[in-house]
Amino acid sequence: MNGTLNKVMLIGNVGRDVEVFYFDDRSVIARFPLATSEVYRDPTGQKVERTEWHRIVARNQIAEIFKRYLKKGDKIFIEGKIRTREYTDREGVKKYYTEIHVQHFTFLSPKSVSQAPSGPDHSRSQHTAEPTENSGIDNTAASDDAFGSNDADDDLPF
């Protein structure tokens, strides 16, 4: 073991329907925002809700499952790794944003029987990504920013 760990676990709600991008080498990438919220009381006793937005990225088989079964508002558990991407905006300024790359997930929203995955590969609600160190996907080819805006000051996905 090299003494480091890059692991993220989130339970949240999907902020927008999944966007899927297909590539010539038959790779698939899916992106969507995930909201996690916490509620606490401030020093004056007032209830405060704070929401964080996370950029979620899934590849290949998991991307296809998300495209088919995940919708805005659904609750999901995601386990993955943090990755930071760099891009240059139209003015030539380097910008960075952080993504969560999915390795495991579990659907938490109840689904009707007709919407649930079926068959041997999808009989359980918990899934694991196939290990791929280099999937051959150039993330910058999908879009400069999968959330529709290159403005780093506006992190809201809507």
Protein backbone atom coordinates (compact mmCIF):
# COMPACT_ATOMS: atom_id res chain seq x y z
CA MET A 1 0.00 0.00 0.00
CA ASN A 2 1.34 3.41 -0.92
CA GLY A 3 -0.08 5.21 2.12
CA THR A 4 -2.74 7.29 0.35
CA LEU A 5 -6.46 6.98 -0.20
CA ASN A 6 -8.79 8.76 -2.60
CA LYS A 7 -12.33 7.70 -1.71
CA VAL A 8 -15.62 9.57 -1.63
CA MET A 9 -19.01 8.34 -0.43
CA LEU A 10 -22.11 10.44 -1.14
CA ILE A 11 -25.83 10.02 -0.66
CA GLY A 12 -27.76 12.66 -2.53
CA ASN A 13 -30.37 13.61 -5.07
CA VAL A 14 -29.80 13.85 -8.81
CA GLY A 15 -30.04 17.51 -9.84
CA ARG A 16 -30.70 16.99 -13.55
CA ASP A 17 -31.34 14.09 -15.93
CA VAL A 18 -28.18 12.23 -16.88
CA GLU A 19 -26.25 13.52 -19.91
CA VAL A 20 -24.56 10.76 -21.92
CA PHE A 21 -21.74 11.09 -24.44
CA TYR A 22 -20.71 8.35 -26.87
CA PHE A 23 -17.25 8.05 -28.42
CA ASP A 24 -15.88 6.39 -31.54
CA ASP A 25 -14.10 3.70 -29.54
CA ARG A 26 -17.53 2.64 -28.16
CA SER A 27 -16.81 4.24 -24.80
CA VAL A 28 -19.62 5.93 -22.94
CA ILE A 29 -19.48 8.65 -20.32
CA ALA A 30 -22.39 9.97 -18.25
CA ARG A 31 -22.49 13.17 -16.23
CA PHE A 32 -24.96 14.71 -13.83
CA PRO A 33 -25.02 16.94 -10.76
CA LEU A 34 -25.71 15.45 -7.34
CA ALA A 35 -26.97 17.50 -4.39
CA THR A 36 -26.10 16.65 -0.81
CA SER A 37 -27.71 18.66 1.97
CA GLU A 38 -27.20 19.13 5.67
CA VAL A 39 -29.49 20.84 8.15
CA TYR A 40 -28.21 22.44 11.34
CA ARG A 41 -29.01 25.21 13.78
CA ASP A 42 -26.94 28.38 13.74
CA PRO A 43 -25.83 30.10 17.00
CA THR A 44 -29.13 32.03 17.12
CA GLY A 45 -31.09 28.75 16.98
CA GLN A 46 -32.41 29.22 13.45
CA LYS A 47 -32.56 26.19 11.20
CA VAL A 48 -30.11 26.40 8.29
CA GLU A 49 -29.95 24.09 5.27
CA ARG A 50 -26.75 23.93 3.25
CA THR A 51 -26.59 22.17 -0.10
CA GLU A 52 -23.39 21.12 -1.87
CA TRP A 53 -23.37 20.25 -5.58
CA HIS A 54 -21.08 17.52 -6.89
CA ARG A 55 -20.18 16.76 -10.52
CA ILE A 56 -20.66 13.03 -11.03
CA VAL A 57 -18.99 11.11 -13.86
CA ALA A 58 -19.66 7.47 -14.76
CA ARG A 59 -18.17 5.39 -17.54
CA ASN A 60 -19.20 2.56 -19.83
CA GLN A 61 -21.58 0.01 -18.21
CA ILE A 62 -22.43 2.22 -15.23
CA ALA A 63 -23.03 5.17 -17.58
CA GLU A 64 -25.52 3.06 -19.56
CA ILE A 65 -27.31 1.98 -16.37
CA PHE A 66 -27.53 5.59 -15.18
CA LYS A 67 -28.86 6.71 -18.57
CA ARG A 68 -31.58 4.10 -18.45
CA TYR A 69 -32.70 4.22 -14.82
CA LEU A 70 -31.59 7.48 -13.15
CA LYS A 71 -33.76 10.60 -13.33
CA LYS A 72 -33.75 14.06 -11.80
CA GLY A 73 -34.74 13.89 -8.13
CA ASP A 74 -33.72 10.24 -7.61
CA LYS A 75 -31.74 9.42 -4.47
CA ILE A 76 -28.53 7.44 -4.93
CA PHE A 77 -25.50 6.30 -2.97
CA ILE A 78 -22.24 6.81 -4.86
CA GLU A 79 -18.77 5.69 -3.97
CA GLY A 80 -15.88 6.89 -6.09
CA LYS A 81 -12.73 8.94 -6.47
CA ILE A 82 -12.13 12.68 -6.63
CA ARG A 83 -10.56 13.91 -9.86
CA THR A 84 -9.75 17.49 -10.81
CA ARG A 85 -9.92 18.52 -14.46
CA GLU A 86 -8.29 21.49 -16.09
CA TYR A 87 -9.49 23.32 -19.17
CA THR A 88 -8.83 26.62 -20.90
CA ASP A 89 -11.81 28.92 -21.36
CA ARG A 90 -12.49 31.03 -24.45
CA GLU A 91 -10.41 33.88 -23.05
CA GLY A 92 -7.41 31.57 -22.61
CA VAL A 93 -7.69 31.37 -18.80
CA LYS A 94 -6.99 27.99 -17.18
CA LYS A 95 -9.84 26.79 -15.01
CA TYR A 96 -10.28 23.77 -12.80
CA TYR A 97 -13.21 21.78 -11.48
CA THR A 98 -13.59 18.70 -9.37
CA GLU A 99 -15.52 15.59 -10.36
CA ILE A 100 -16.48 12.40 -8.57
CA HIS A 101 -15.73 9.33 -10.72
CA VAL A 102 -18.14 6.53 -9.81
CA GLN A 103 -16.80 3.13 -8.82
CA HIS A 104 -19.81 1.72 -6.91
CA PHE A 105 -23.39 2.82 -6.50
CA THR A 106 -26.74 1.85 -5.06
CA PHE A 107 -30.11 3.23 -6.14
CA LEU A 108 -32.02 4.45 -3.08
CA SER A 109 -35.23 5.77 -4.67
CA PRO A 110 -38.01 3.20 -4.89
CA LYS A 111 -38.82 2.21 -8.47
CA SER A 112 -41.79 0.38 -9.91
CA VAL A 113 -41.17 -3.18 -11.06
CA SER A 114 -41.29 -2.09 -14.71
CA GLN A 115 -38.43 0.39 -14.18
CA ALA A 116 -36.16 -1.87 -12.15
CA PRO A 117 -33.15 -3.44 -13.86
CA SER A 118 -33.67 -7.11 -14.64
CA GLY A 119 -31.51 -9.99 -15.72
CA PRO A 120 -28.41 -11.58 -14.23
CA ASP A 121 -26.22 -8.47 -14.42
CA HIS A 122 -28.75 -6.13 -12.81
CA SER A 123 -30.60 -8.32 -10.32
CA ARG A 124 -29.29 -6.33 -7.35
CA SER A 125 -29.44 -2.59 -6.81
CA GLN A 126 -25.75 -2.29 -5.94
CA HIS A 127 -23.23 -2.12 -8.78
CA THR A 128 -19.48 -1.87 -9.19
CA ALA A 129 -17.48 -0.34 -12.01
CA GLU A 130 -15.15 -2.56 -13.96
CA PRO A 131 -11.58 -1.61 -13.12
CA THR A 132 -10.17 0.58 -15.88
CA GLU A 133 -7.13 2.70 -15.24
CA ASN A 134 -7.04 4.13 -18.75
CA SER A 135 -10.37 3.85 -20.50
CA GLY A 136 -9.21 5.84 -23.51
CA ILE A 137 -11.76 8.59 -22.96
CA ASP A 138 -10.62 12.15 -23.38
CA ASN A 139 -12.91 13.99 -20.96
CA THR A 140 -12.29 17.31 -22.66
CA ALA A 141 -13.69 15.95 -25.92
CA ALA A 142 -17.17 15.51 -24.44
CA SER A 143 -17.60 19.20 -23.70
CA ASP A 144 -15.72 22.02 -22.08
CA ASP A 145 -18.11 21.81 -19.19
CA ALA A 146 -20.85 19.18 -19.03
CA PHE A 147 -23.00 21.48 -16.93
CA GLY A 148 -23.60 23.98 -19.72
CA SER A 149 -21.45 26.87 -18.55
CA ASN A 150 -17.75 27.56 -18.51
CA ASP A 151 -18.16 30.28 -15.90
CA ALA A 152 -16.24 29.05 -12.85
CA ASP A 153 -18.03 31.60 -10.63
CA ASP A 154 -21.36 29.87 -11.24
CA ASP A 155 -21.15 26.37 -9.76
CA LEU A 156 -24.90 25.82 -9.72
CA PRO A 157 -25.95 23.17 -12.25
CA PHE A 158 -29.21 24.91 -13.19
